Amino acid sequence: MLIKYQIEKNDKYGLDTTGLGKLELNNMLYEVFFFYGNEIAIKKGIEWMKEILISYPEDPSYIDTYASLLFKQGEKEEAIKWEQKAIDILSLKNEQEEVQRYMKKLEKMKSNQPTWIKN
């Protein structure tokens, strides 16, 4: 229900990609990816993450969410490309713990294993 409301709200009023709005949207979309298989929500999430990435193209958490949504929609090669970009950015920042976490996800993507909780 919350997801449906958020989609309707964003369609009516537009995305809030400022301040906490972008963070809340990213977190909500990660939940959509992780727990729900709703195709409409996944497609909307991809559209919204594209908009966020225009303003924040080097944020690994936003890139990871985008890659995850792409992968769940079946766009494996594109998802792998974006997940690798997130890993590269984290590596430059020397955030090894996050690099390892993202690498595990990347390996699952490459071997077509779900990276989300199955319903």
PDB file of N, CA and C in Angstrom:
ATOM      1  N   MET A   1       0.823  -1.195   0.000  1.00  0.00           N
ATOM      2  CA  MET A   1       0.000   0.000   0.000  1.00  0.00           C
ATOM      3  C   MET A   1       0.868   1.261   0.000  1.00  0.00           C
ATOM      4  N   LEU A   2       1.902   1.266   0.832  1.00  0.00           N
ATOM      5  CA  LEU A   2       2.796   2.420   0.891  1.00  0.00           C
ATOM      6  C   LEU A   2       3.476   2.643  -0.457  1.00  0.00           C
ATOM      7  N   ILE A   3       3.879   1.569  -1.106  1.00  0.00           N
ATOM      8  CA  ILE A   3       4.545   1.677  -2.400  1.00  0.00           C
ATOM      9  C   ILE A   3       3.600   2.295  -3.423  1.00  0.00           C
ATOM     10  N   LYS A   4       2.356   1.827  -3.442  1.00  0.00           N
ATOM     11  CA  LYS A   4       1.361   2.363  -4.372  1.00  0.00           C
ATOM     12  C   LYS A   4       1.159   3.858  -4.123  1.00  0.00           C
ATOM     13  N   TYR A   5       1.058   4.248  -2.859  1.00  0.00           N
ATOM     14  CA  TYR A   5       0.881   5.662  -2.514  1.00  0.00           C
ATOM     15  C   TYR A   5       2.082   6.475  -2.989  1.00  0.00           C
ATOM     16  N   GLN A   6       3.284   5.969  -2.759  1.00  0.00           N
ATOM     17  CA  GLN A   6       4.495   6.695  -3.148  1.00  0.00           C
ATOM     18  C   GLN A   6       4.564   6.881  -4.657  1.00  0.00           C
ATOM     19  N   ILE A   7       4.194   5.861  -5.407  1.00  0.00           N
ATOM     20  CA  ILE A   7       4.180   5.976  -6.872  1.00  0.00           C
ATOM     21  C   ILE A   7       3.191   7.053  -7.299  1.00  0.00           C
ATOM     22  N   GLU A   8       1.981   7.002  -6.741  1.00  0.00           N
ATOM     23  CA  GLU A   8       0.965   8.004  -7.088  1.00  0.00           C
ATOM     24  C   GLU A   8       1.422   9.409  -6.712  1.00  0.00           C
ATOM     25  N   LYS A   9       2.008   9.556  -5.541  1.00  0.00           N
ATOM     26  CA  LYS A   9       2.485  10.870  -5.072  1.00  0.00           C
ATOM     27  C   LYS A   9       3.571  11.407  -5.997  1.00  0.00           C
ATOM     28  N   ASN A  10       4.538  10.573  -6.340  1.00  0.00           N
ATOM     29  CA  ASN A  10       5.628  11.026  -7.205  1.00  0.00           C
ATOM     30  C   ASN A  10       5.144  11.323  -8.612  1.00  0.00           C
ATOM     31  N   ASP A  11       4.181  10.551  -9.102  1.00  0.00           N
ATOM     32  CA  ASP A  11       3.620  10.838 -10.422  1.00  0.00           C
ATOM     33  C   ASP A  11       2.878  12.176 -10.431  1.00  0.00           C
ATOM     34  N   LYS A  12       2.198  12.475  -9.339  1.00  0.00           N
ATOM     35  CA  LYS A  12       1.410  13.700  -9.267  1.00  0.00           C
ATOM     36  C   LYS A  12       2.261  14.936  -9.003  1.00  0.00           C
ATOM     37  N   TYR A  13       3.212  14.827  -8.059  1.00  0.00           N
ATOM     38  CA  TYR A  13       3.961  15.999  -7.607  1.00  0.00           C
ATOM     39  C   TYR A  13       5.417  16.027  -8.057  1.00  0.00           C
ATOM     40  N   GLY A  14       5.892  14.941  -8.640  1.00  0.00           N
ATOM     41  CA  GLY A  14       7.295  14.870  -9.044  1.00  0.00           C
ATOM     42  C   GLY A  14       8.169  14.324  -7.926  1.00  0.00           C
ATOM     43  N   LEU A  15       9.409  14.070  -8.271  1.00  0.00           N
ATOM     44  CA  LEU A  15      10.349  13.496  -7.315  1.00  0.00           C
ATOM     45  C   LEU A  15      10.970  14.579  -6.440  1.00  0.00           C
ATOM     46  N   ASP A  16      11.177  14.241  -5.188  1.00  0.00           N
ATOM     47  CA  ASP A  16      11.948  15.094  -4.296  1.00  0.00           C
ATOM     48  C   ASP A  16      13.352  14.508  -4.247  1.00  0.00           C
ATOM     49  N   THR A  17      14.270  15.101  -4.993  1.00  0.00           N
ATOM     50  CA  THR A  17      15.638  14.591  -5.028  1.00  0.00           C
ATOM     51  C   THR A  17      16.583  15.504  -4.257  1.00  0.00           C
ATOM     52  N   THR A  18      16.024  16.322  -3.379  1.00  0.00           N
ATOM     53  CA  THR A  18      16.846  17.201  -2.557  1.00  0.00           C
ATOM     54  C   THR A  18      16.905  16.659  -1.140  1.00  0.00           C
ATOM     55  N   GLY A  19      17.909  17.049  -0.422  1.00  0.00           N
ATOM     56  CA  GLY A  19      18.008  16.713   0.994  1.00  0.00           C
ATOM     57  C   GLY A  19      17.698  15.266   1.284  1.00  0.00           C
ATOM     58  N   LEU A  20      16.832  15.051   2.260  1.00  0.00           N
ATOM     59  CA  LEU A  20      16.475  13.701   2.667  1.00  0.00           C
ATOM     60  C   LEU A  20      15.549  13.012   1.674  1.00  0.00           C
ATOM     61  N   GLY A  21      14.929  13.763   0.787  1.00  0.00           N
ATOM     62  CA  GLY A  21      14.009  13.172  -0.189  1.00  0.00           C
ATOM     63  C   GLY A  21      14.669  12.102  -1.030  1.00  0.00           C
ATOM     64  N   LYS A  22      15.878  12.374  -1.507  1.00  0.00           N
ATOM     65  CA  LYS A  22      16.576  11.397  -2.341  1.00  0.00           C
ATOM     66  C   LYS A  22      16.966  10.164  -1.536  1.00  0.00           C
ATOM     67  N   LEU A  23      17.342  10.362  -0.287  1.00  0.00           N
ATOM     68  CA  LEU A  23      17.714   9.235   0.572  1.00  0.00           C
ATOM     69  C   LEU A  23      16.500   8.371   0.890  1.00  0.00           C
ATOM     70  N   GLU A  24      15.387   9.013   1.223  1.00  0.00           N
ATOM     71  CA  GLU A  24      14.156   8.266   1.501  1.00  0.00           C
ATOM     72  C   GLU A  24      13.698   7.486   0.277  1.00  0.00           C
ATOM     73  N   LEU A  25      13.793   8.112  -0.880  1.00  0.00           N
ATOM     74  CA  LEU A  25      13.394   7.444  -2.116  1.00  0.00           C
ATOM     75  C   LEU A  25      14.304   6.242  -2.391  1.00  0.00           C
ATOM     76  N   ASN A  26      15.606   6.432  -2.228  1.00  0.00           N
ATOM     77  CA  ASN A  26      16.545   5.331  -2.433  1.00  0.00           C
ATOM     78  C   ASN A  26      16.229   4.174  -1.488  1.00  0.00           C
ATOM     79  N   ASN A  27      15.999   4.474  -0.231  1.00  0.00           N
ATOM     80  CA  ASN A  27      15.697   3.421   0.747  1.00  0.00           C
ATOM     81  C   ASN A  27      14.393   2.704   0.417  1.00  0.00           C
ATOM     82  N   MET A  28      13.381   3.464   0.025  1.00  0.00           N
ATOM     83  CA  MET A  28      12.103   2.853  -0.336  1.00  0.00           C
ATOM     84  C   MET A  28      12.266   1.953  -1.557  1.00  0.00           C
ATOM     85  N   LEU A  29      13.031   2.414  -2.552  1.00  0.00           N
ATOM     86  CA  LEU A  29      13.219   1.620  -3.759  1.00  0.00           C
ATOM     87  C   LEU A  29      14.051   0.377  -3.485  1.00  0.00           C
ATOM     88  N   TYR A  30      14.969   0.463  -2.554  1.00  0.00           N
ATOM     89  CA  TYR A  30      15.732  -0.739  -2.211  1.00  0.00           C
ATOM     90  C   TYR A  30      14.814  -1.769  -1.568  1.00  0.00           C
ATOM     91  N   GLU A  31      13.860  -1.310  -0.772  1.00  0.00           N
ATOM     92  CA  GLU A  31      12.879  -2.237  -0.199  1.00  0.00           C
ATOM     93  C   GLU A  31      12.010  -2.850  -1.295  1.00  0.00           C
ATOM     94  N   VAL A  32      11.611  -2.045  -2.270  1.00  0.00           N
ATOM     95  CA  VAL A  32      10.837  -2.570  -3.404  1.00  0.00           C
ATOM     96  C   VAL A  32      11.641  -3.680  -4.078  1.00  0.00           C
ATOM     97  N   PHE A  33      12.908  -3.400  -4.332  1.00  0.00           N
ATOM     98  CA  PHE A  33      13.774  -4.399  -4.969  1.00  0.00           C
ATOM     99  C   PHE A  33      13.900  -5.650  -4.114  1.00  0.00           C
ATOM    100  N   PHE A  34      14.169  -5.465  -2.835  1.00  0.00           N
ATOM    101  CA  PHE A  34      14.532  -6.581  -1.974  1.00  0.00           C
ATOM    102  C   PHE A  34      13.356  -7.472  -1.609  1.00  0.00           C
ATOM    103  N   PHE A  35      12.178  -6.865  -1.405  1.00  0.00           N
ATOM    104  CA  PHE A  35      11.056  -7.631  -0.858  1.00  0.00           C
ATOM    105  C   PHE A  35       9.885  -7.826  -1.805  1.00  0.00           C
ATOM    106  N   TYR A  36       9.767  -7.013  -2.850  1.00  0.00           N
ATOM    107  CA  TYR A  36       8.581  -7.067  -3.703  1.00  0.00           C
ATOM    108  C   TYR A  36       8.960  -7.340  -5.148  1.00  0.00           C
ATOM    109  N   GLY A  37       8.077  -7.967  -5.872  1.00  0.00           N
ATOM    110  CA  GLY A  37       8.333  -8.250  -7.277  1.00  0.00           C
ATOM    111  C   GLY A  37       7.434  -7.472  -8.211  1.00  0.00           C
ATOM    112  N   ASN A  38       6.765  -6.464  -7.700  1.00  0.00           N
ATOM    113  CA  ASN A  38       5.821  -5.688  -8.479  1.00  0.00           C
ATOM    114  C   ASN A  38       6.524  -5.029  -9.666  1.00  0.00           C
ATOM    115  N   GLU A  39       6.165  -5.460 -10.863  1.00  0.00           N
ATOM    116  CA  GLU A  39       6.815  -4.982 -12.081  1.00  0.00           C
ATOM    117  C   GLU A  39       6.653  -3.478 -12.275  1.00  0.00           C
ATOM    118  N   ILE A  40       5.487  -2.947 -11.970  1.00  0.00           N
ATOM    119  CA  ILE A  40       5.256  -1.503 -12.122  1.00  0.00           C
ATOM    120  C   ILE A  40       6.170  -0.724 -11.184  1.00  0.00           C
ATOM    121  N   ALA A  41       6.266  -1.171  -9.936  1.00  0.00           N
ATOM    122  CA  ALA A  41       7.127  -0.490  -8.966  1.00  0.00           C
ATOM    123  C   ALA A  41       8.597  -0.575  -9.380  1.00  0.00           C
ATOM    124  N   ILE A  42       9.012  -1.710  -9.909  1.00  0.00           N
ATOM    125  CA  ILE A  42      10.395  -1.864 -10.370  1.00  0.00           C
ATOM    126  C   ILE A  42      10.679  -0.887 -11.513  1.00  0.00           C
ATOM    127  N   LYS A  43       9.782  -0.825 -12.488  1.00  0.00           N
ATOM    128  CA  LYS A  43       9.976   0.088 -13.626  1.00  0.00           C
ATOM    129  C   LYS A  43      10.009   1.539 -13.176  1.00  0.00           C
ATOM    130  N   LYS A  44       9.087   1.912 -12.290  1.00  0.00           N
ATOM    131  CA  LYS A  44       9.077   3.284 -11.763  1.00  0.00           C
ATOM    132  C   LYS A  44      10.375   3.563 -11.019  1.00  0.00           C
ATOM    133  N   GLY A  45      10.811   2.580 -10.227  1.00  0.00           N
ATOM    134  CA  GLY A  45      12.051   2.742  -9.475  1.00  0.00           C
ATOM    135  C   GLY A  45      13.245   2.992 -10.375  1.00  0.00           C
ATOM    136  N   ILE A  46      13.307   2.289 -11.480  1.00  0.00           N
ATOM    137  CA  ILE A  46      14.399   2.490 -12.437  1.00  0.00           C
ATOM    138  C   ILE A  46      14.355   3.914 -12.986  1.00  0.00           C
ATOM    139  N   GLU A  47      13.168   4.369 -13.357  1.00  0.00           N
ATOM    140  CA  GLU A  47      13.017   5.750 -13.856  1.00  0.00           C
ATOM    141  C   GLU A  47      13.482   6.757 -12.817  1.00  0.00           C
ATOM    142  N   TRP A  48      13.047   6.570 -11.580  1.00  0.00           N
ATOM    143  CA  TRP A  48      13.393   7.515 -10.518  1.00  0.00           C
ATOM    144  C   TRP A  48      14.882   7.503 -10.203  1.00  0.00           C
ATOM    145  N   MET A  49      15.480   6.317 -10.183  1.00  0.00           N
ATOM    146  CA  MET A  49      16.914   6.242  -9.885  1.00  0.00           C
ATOM    147  C   MET A  49      17.732   6.894 -10.995  1.00  0.00           C
ATOM    148  N   LYS A  50      17.265   6.804 -12.246  1.00  0.00           N
ATOM    149  CA  LYS A  50      17.951   7.502 -13.337  1.00  0.00           C
ATOM    150  C   LYS A  50      17.994   9.000 -13.049  1.00  0.00           C
ATOM    151  N   GLU A  51      16.874   9.537 -12.568  1.00  0.00           N
ATOM    152  CA  GLU A  51      16.817  10.961 -12.251  1.00  0.00           C
ATOM    153  C   GLU A  51      17.763  11.316 -11.111  1.00  0.00           C
ATOM    154  N   ILE A  52      17.796  10.506 -10.078  1.00  0.00           N
ATOM    155  CA  ILE A  52      18.693  10.766  -8.957  1.00  0.00           C
ATOM    156  C   ILE A  52      20.146  10.701  -9.414  1.00  0.00           C
ATOM    157  N   LEU A  53      20.476   9.736 -10.274  1.00  0.00           N
ATOM    158  CA  LEU A  53      21.856   9.575 -10.725  1.00  0.00           C
ATOM    159  C   LEU A  53      22.330  10.718 -11.611  1.00  0.00           C
ATOM    160  N   ILE A  54      21.419  11.454 -12.192  1.00  0.00           N
ATOM    161  CA  ILE A  54      21.825  12.645 -12.952  1.00  0.00           C
ATOM    162  C   ILE A  54      22.491  13.647 -12.010  1.00  0.00           C
ATOM    163  N   SER A  55      21.928  13.813 -10.818  1.00  0.00           N
ATOM    164  CA  SER A  55      22.475  14.756  -9.851  1.00  0.00           C
ATOM    165  C   SER A  55      23.584  14.159  -8.982  1.00  0.00           C
ATOM    166  N   TYR A  56      23.563  12.847  -8.794  1.00  0.00           N
ATOM    167  CA  TYR A  56      24.516  12.185  -7.896  1.00  0.00           C
ATOM    168  C   TYR A  56      25.135  10.971  -8.598  1.00  0.00           C
ATOM    169  N   PRO A  57      25.883  11.212  -9.683  1.00  0.00           N
ATOM    170  CA  PRO A  57      26.383  10.103 -10.499  1.00  0.00           C
ATOM    171  C   PRO A  57      27.495   9.272  -9.857  1.00  0.00           C
ATOM    172  N   GLU A  58      28.054   9.746  -8.765  1.00  0.00           N
ATOM    173  CA  GLU A  58      29.168   9.034  -8.134  1.00  0.00           C
ATOM    174  C   GLU A  58      28.808   8.478  -6.763  1.00  0.00           C
ATOM    175  N   ASP A  59      27.530   8.395  -6.449  1.00  0.00           N
ATOM    176  CA  ASP A  59      27.113   7.869  -5.147  1.00  0.00           C
ATOM    177  C   ASP A  59      26.917   6.362  -5.255  1.00  0.00           C
ATOM    178  N   PRO A  60      27.790   5.565  -4.615  1.00  0.00           N
ATOM    179  CA  PRO A  60      27.705   4.116  -4.789  1.00  0.00           C
ATOM    180  C   PRO A  60      26.405   3.495  -4.293  1.00  0.00           C
ATOM    181  N   SER A  61      25.801   4.058  -3.264  1.00  0.00           N
ATOM    182  CA  SER A  61      24.545   3.460  -2.778  1.00  0.00           C
ATOM    183  C   SER A  61      23.415   3.674  -3.774  1.00  0.00           C
ATOM    184  N   TYR A  62      23.370   4.817  -4.422  1.00  0.00           N
ATOM    185  CA  TYR A  62      22.345   5.056  -5.441  1.00  0.00           C
ATOM    186  C   TYR A  62      22.609   4.182  -6.676  1.00  0.00           C
ATOM    187  N   ILE A  63      23.883   4.060  -7.032  1.00  0.00           N
ATOM    188  CA  ILE A  63      24.252   3.222  -8.172  1.00  0.00           C
ATOM    189  C   ILE A  63      23.877   1.769  -7.888  1.00  0.00           C
ATOM    190  N   ASP A  64      24.131   1.319  -6.666  1.00  0.00           N
ATOM    191  CA  ASP A  64      23.799  -0.054  -6.276  1.00  0.00           C
ATOM    192  C   ASP A  64      22.292  -0.304  -6.358  1.00  0.00           C
ATOM    193  N   THR A  65      21.500   0.630  -5.880  1.00  0.00           N
ATOM    194  CA  THR A  65      20.046   0.473  -5.949  1.00  0.00           C
ATOM    195  C   THR A  65      19.594   0.401  -7.409  1.00  0.00           C
ATOM    196  N   TYR A  66      20.140   1.278  -8.232  1.00  0.00           N
ATOM    197  CA  TYR A  66      19.810   1.276  -9.656  1.00  0.00           C
ATOM    198  C   TYR A  66      20.177  -0.062 -10.290  1.00  0.00           C
ATOM    199  N   ALA A  67      21.388  -0.541 -10.018  1.00  0.00           N
ATOM    200  CA  ALA A  67      21.841  -1.823 -10.562  1.00  0.00           C
ATOM    201  C   ALA A  67      20.938  -2.960 -10.091  1.00  0.00           C
ATOM    202  N   SER A  68      20.552  -2.922  -8.841  1.00  0.00           N
ATOM    203  CA  SER A  68      19.704  -3.972  -8.281  1.00  0.00           C
ATOM    204  C   SER A  68      18.338  -4.014  -8.961  1.00  0.00           C
ATOM    205  N   LEU A  69      17.762  -2.838  -9.178  1.00  0.00           N
ATOM    206  CA  LEU A  69      16.470  -2.773  -9.860  1.00  0.00           C
ATOM    207  C   LEU A  69      16.583  -3.272 -11.302  1.00  0.00           C
ATOM    208  N   LEU A  70      17.644  -2.865 -11.985  1.00  0.00           N
ATOM    209  CA  LEU A  70      17.868  -3.346 -13.349  1.00  0.00           C
ATOM    210  C   LEU A  70      17.969  -4.865 -13.378  1.00  0.00           C
ATOM    211  N   PHE A  71      18.720  -5.418 -12.437  1.00  0.00           N
ATOM    212  CA  PHE A  71      18.910  -6.863 -12.398  1.00  0.00           C
ATOM    213  C   PHE A  71      17.593  -7.583 -12.156  1.00  0.00           C
ATOM    214  N   LYS A  72      16.802  -7.062 -11.237  1.00  0.00           N
ATOM    215  CA  LYS A  72      15.526  -7.709 -10.934  1.00  0.00           C
ATOM    216  C   LYS A  72      14.590  -7.654 -12.134  1.00  0.00           C
ATOM    217  N   GLN A  73      14.717  -6.616 -12.939  1.00  0.00           N
ATOM    218  CA  GLN A  73      13.885  -6.493 -14.149  1.00  0.00           C
ATOM    219  C   GLN A  73      14.407  -7.388 -15.277  1.00  0.00           C
ATOM    220  N   GLY A  74      15.588  -7.961 -15.111  1.00  0.00           N
ATOM    221  CA  GLY A  74      16.121  -8.860 -16.126  1.00  0.00           C
ATOM    222  C   GLY A  74      17.181  -8.248 -17.015  1.00  0.00           C
ATOM    223  N   GLU A  75      17.594  -7.028 -16.707  1.00  0.00           N
ATOM    224  CA  GLU A  75      18.623  -6.355 -17.501  1.00  0.00           C
ATOM    225  C   GLU A  75      19.997  -6.648 -16.901  1.00  0.00           C
ATOM    226  N   LYS A  76      20.394  -7.907 -17.002  1.00  0.00           N
ATOM    227  CA  LYS A  76      21.591  -8.413 -16.330  1.00  0.00           C
ATOM    228  C   LYS A  76      22.865  -7.653 -16.714  1.00  0.00           C
ATOM    229  N   GLU A  77      23.148  -7.527 -17.983  1.00  0.00           N
ATOM    230  CA  GLU A  77      24.412  -6.909 -18.411  1.00  0.00           C
ATOM    231  C   GLU A  77      24.509  -5.449 -17.965  1.00  0.00           C
ATOM    232  N   GLU A  78      23.423  -4.723 -18.088  1.00  0.00           N
ATOM    233  CA  GLU A  78      23.413  -3.323 -17.654  1.00  0.00           C
ATOM    234  C   GLU A  78      23.584  -3.237 -16.138  1.00  0.00           C
ATOM    235  N   ALA A  79      22.928  -4.136 -15.433  1.00  0.00           N
ATOM    236  CA  ALA A  79      23.042  -4.165 -13.967  1.00  0.00           C
ATOM    237  C   ALA A  79      24.478  -4.443 -13.545  1.00  0.00           C
ATOM    238  N   ILE A  80      25.123  -5.379 -14.194  1.00  0.00           N
ATOM    239  CA  ILE A  80      26.513  -5.720 -13.870  1.00  0.00           C
ATOM    240  C   ILE A  80      27.421  -4.518 -14.102  1.00  0.00           C
ATOM    241  N   LYS A  81      27.204  -3.820 -15.196  1.00  0.00           N
ATOM    242  CA  LYS A  81      28.004  -2.624 -15.497  1.00  0.00           C
ATOM    243  C   LYS A  81      27.888  -1.595 -14.378  1.00  0.00           C
ATOM    244  N   TRP A  82      26.665  -1.338 -13.930  1.00  0.00           N
ATOM    245  CA  TRP A  82      26.446  -0.334 -12.884  1.00  0.00           C
ATOM    246  C   TRP A  82      26.965  -0.811 -11.530  1.00  0.00           C
ATOM    247  N   GLU A  83      26.784  -2.078 -11.219  1.00  0.00           N
ATOM    248  CA  GLU A  83      27.294  -2.595  -9.935  1.00  0.00           C
ATOM    249  C   GLU A  83      28.816  -2.493  -9.903  1.00  0.00           C
ATOM    250  N   GLN A  84      29.459  -2.770 -11.027  1.00  0.00           N
ATOM    251  CA  GLN A  84      30.922  -2.648 -11.103  1.00  0.00           C
ATOM    252  C   GLN A  84      31.344  -1.193 -10.903  1.00  0.00           C
ATOM    253  N   LYS A  85      30.567  -0.262 -11.431  1.00  0.00           N
ATOM    254  CA  LYS A  85      30.880   1.159 -11.240  1.00  0.00           C
ATOM    255  C   LYS A  85      30.827   1.509  -9.754  1.00  0.00           C
ATOM    256  N   ALA A  86      29.826   1.013  -9.043  1.00  0.00           N
ATOM    257  CA  ALA A  86      29.729   1.271  -7.603  1.00  0.00           C
ATOM    258  C   ALA A  86      30.951   0.703  -6.880  1.00  0.00           C
ATOM    259  N   ILE A  87      31.370  -0.483  -7.262  1.00  0.00           N
ATOM    260  CA  ILE A  87      32.544  -1.117  -6.656  1.00  0.00           C
ATOM    261  C   ILE A  87      33.795  -0.289  -6.930  1.00  0.00           C
ATOM    262  N   ASP A  88      33.937   0.179  -8.150  1.00  0.00           N
ATOM    263  CA  ASP A  88      35.107   0.997  -8.506  1.00  0.00           C
ATOM    264  C   ASP A  88      35.173   2.271  -7.664  1.00  0.00           C
ATOM    265  N   ILE A  89      34.044   2.910  -7.470  1.00  0.00           N
ATOM    266  CA  ILE A  89      34.007   4.136  -6.663  1.00  0.00           C
ATOM    267  C   ILE A  89      34.373   3.831  -5.213  1.00  0.00           C
ATOM    268  N   LEU A  90      33.804   2.762  -4.675  1.00  0.00           N
ATOM    269  CA  LEU A  90      34.115   2.377  -3.298  1.00  0.00           C
ATOM    270  C   LEU A  90      35.592   2.004  -3.145  1.00  0.00           C
ATOM    271  N   SER A  91      36.144   1.370  -4.144  1.00  0.00           N
ATOM    272  CA  SER A  91      37.567   1.005  -4.097  1.00  0.00           C
ATOM    273  C   SER A  91      38.441   2.248  -4.032  1.00  0.00           C
ATOM    274  N   LEU A  92      38.104   3.257  -4.816  1.00  0.00           N
ATOM    275  CA  LEU A  92      38.855   4.510  -4.789  1.00  0.00           C
ATOM    276  C   LEU A  92      38.769   5.196  -3.427  1.00  0.00           C
ATOM    277  N   LYS A  93      37.657   5.002  -2.746  1.00  0.00           N
ATOM    278  CA  LYS A  93      37.464   5.583  -1.414  1.00  0.00           C
ATOM    279  C   LYS A  93      38.040   4.689  -0.319  1.00  0.00           C
ATOM    280  N   ASN A  94      38.585   3.541  -0.729  1.00  0.00           N
ATOM    281  CA  ASN A  94      39.177   2.564   0.192  1.00  0.00           C
ATOM    282  C   ASN A  94      38.164   2.055   1.226  1.00  0.00           C
ATOM    283  N   GLU A  95      36.944   1.827   0.793  1.00  0.00           N
ATOM    284  CA  GLU A  95      35.896   1.299   1.662  1.00  0.00           C
ATOM    285  C   GLU A  95      35.762  -0.204   1.402  1.00  0.00           C
ATOM    286  N   GLN A  96      36.734  -0.939   1.912  1.00  0.00           N
ATOM    287  CA  GLN A  96      36.875  -2.363   1.585  1.00  0.00           C
ATOM    288  C   GLN A  96      35.711  -3.230   2.056  1.00  0.00           C
ATOM    289  N   GLU A  97      35.138  -2.914   3.198  1.00  0.00           N
ATOM    290  CA  GLU A  97      34.011  -3.707   3.686  1.00  0.00           C
ATOM    291  C   GLU A  97      32.833  -3.625   2.710  1.00  0.00           C
ATOM    292  N   GLU A  98      32.556  -2.424   2.248  1.00  0.00           N
ATOM    293  CA  GLU A  98      31.478  -2.236   1.276  1.00  0.00           C
ATOM    294  C   GLU A  98      31.843  -2.872  -0.064  1.00  0.00           C
ATOM    295  N   VAL A  99      33.101  -2.762  -0.458  1.00  0.00           N
ATOM    296  CA  VAL A  99      33.547  -3.392  -1.704  1.00  0.00           C
ATOM    297  C   VAL A  99      33.251  -4.887  -1.655  1.00  0.00           C
ATOM    298  N   GLN A 100      33.578  -5.523  -0.542  1.00  0.00           N
ATOM    299  CA  GLN A 100      33.341  -6.966  -0.413  1.00  0.00           C
ATOM    300  C   GLN A 100      31.855  -7.307  -0.491  1.00  0.00           C
ATOM    301  N   ARG A 101      31.035  -6.495   0.155  1.00  0.00           N
ATOM    302  CA  ARG A 101      29.582  -6.730   0.123  1.00  0.00           C
ATOM    303  C   ARG A 101      29.039  -6.597  -1.304  1.00  0.00           C
ATOM    304  N   TYR A 102      29.480  -5.556  -2.004  1.00  0.00           N
ATOM    305  CA  TYR A 102      29.025  -5.343  -3.374  1.00  0.00           C
ATOM    306  C   TYR A 102      29.581  -6.419  -4.309  1.00  0.00           C
ATOM    307  N   MET A 103      30.808  -6.885  -4.051  1.00  0.00           N
ATOM    308  CA  MET A 103      31.403  -7.944  -4.879  1.00  0.00           C
ATOM    309  C   MET A 103      30.586  -9.230  -4.785  1.00  0.00           C
ATOM    310  N   LYS A 104      30.102  -9.547  -3.588  1.00  0.00           N
ATOM    311  CA  LYS A 104      29.262 -10.740  -3.425  1.00  0.00           C
ATOM    312  C   LYS A 104      27.993 -10.617  -4.263  1.00  0.00           C
ATOM    313  N   LYS A 105      27.410  -9.426  -4.245  1.00  0.00           N
ATOM    314  CA  LYS A 105      26.208  -9.203  -5.051  1.00  0.00           C
ATOM    315  C   LYS A 105      26.531  -9.311  -6.538  1.00  0.00           C
ATOM    316  N   LEU A 106      27.662  -8.738  -6.955  1.00  0.00           N
ATOM    317  CA  LEU A 106      28.065  -8.788  -8.356  1.00  0.00           C
ATOM    318  C   LEU A 106      28.249 -10.236  -8.823  1.00  0.00           C
ATOM    319  N   GLU A 107      28.855 -11.045  -7.989  1.00  0.00           N
ATOM    320  CA  GLU A 107      29.046 -12.457  -8.349  1.00  0.00           C
ATOM    321  C   GLU A 107      27.702 -13.174  -8.505  1.00  0.00           C
ATOM    322  N   LYS A 108      26.746 -12.860  -7.642  1.00  0.00           N
ATOM    323  CA  LYS A 108      25.407 -13.438  -7.785  1.00  0.00           C
ATOM    324  C   LYS A 108      24.772 -12.997  -9.098  1.00  0.00           C
ATOM    325  N   MET A 109      24.926 -11.710  -9.431  1.00  0.00           N
ATOM    326  CA  MET A 109      24.380 -11.207 -10.692  1.00  0.00           C
ATOM    327  C   MET A 109      24.975 -11.965 -11.879  1.00  0.00           C
ATOM    328  N   LYS A 110      26.283 -12.112 -11.852  1.00  0.00           N
ATOM    329  CA  LYS A 110      26.961 -12.775 -12.970  1.00  0.00           C
ATOM    330  C   LYS A 110      26.513 -14.219 -13.136  1.00  0.00           C
ATOM    331  N   SER A 111      26.152 -14.863 -12.034  1.00  0.00           N
ATOM    332  CA  SER A 111      25.719 -16.266 -12.117  1.00  0.00           C
ATOM    333  C   SER A 111      24.199 -16.415 -12.078  1.00  0.00           C
ATOM    334  N   ASN A 112      23.485 -15.307 -12.331  1.00  0.00           N
ATOM    335  CA  ASN A 112      22.018 -15.296 -12.407  1.00  0.00           C
ATOM    336  C   ASN A 112      21.333 -15.780 -11.140  1.00  0.00           C
ATOM    337  N   GLN A 113      21.917 -15.541 -10.001  1.00  0.00           N
ATOM    338  CA  GLN A 113      21.304 -15.895  -8.716  1.00  0.00           C
ATOM    339  C   GLN A 113      20.559 -14.673  -8.192  1.00  0.00           C
ATOM    340  N   PRO A 114      19.401 -14.867  -7.611  1.00  0.00           N
ATOM    341  CA  PRO A 114      18.656 -13.743  -7.028  1.00  0.00           C
ATOM    342  C   PRO A 114      19.490 -13.029  -5.961  1.00  0.00           C
ATOM    343  N   THR A 115      19.430 -11.737  -5.958  1.00  0.00           N
ATOM    344  CA  THR A 115      20.109 -10.940  -4.936  1.00  0.00           C
ATOM    345  C   THR A 115      19.091 -10.325  -3.989  1.00  0.00           C
ATOM    346  N   TRP A 116      17.893 -10.838  -4.013  1.00  0.00           N
ATOM    347  CA  TRP A 116      16.794 -10.339  -3.202  1.00  0.00           C
ATOM    348  C   TRP A 116      16.134 -11.507  -2.485  1.00  0.00           C
ATOM    349  N   ILE A 117      15.243 -11.184  -1.562  1.00  0.00           N
ATOM    350  CA  ILE A 117      14.473 -12.211  -0.856  1.00  0.00           C
ATOM    351  C   ILE A 117      13.349 -12.670  -1.765  1.00  0.00           C
ATOM    352  N   LYS A 118      13.265 -13.971  -1.984  1.00  0.00           N
ATOM    353  CA  LYS A 118      12.206 -14.508  -2.840  1.00  0.00           C
ATOM    354  C   LYS A 118      10.888 -14.507  -2.085  1.00  0.00           C
ATOM    355  N   ASN A 119       9.841 -14.094  -2.799  1.00  0.00           N
ATOM    356  CA  ASN A 119       8.500 -14.083  -2.193  1.00  0.00           C
ATOM    357  C   ASN A 119       7.895 -15.464  -2.192  1.00  0.00           C
TER     358      ASN A 119
END
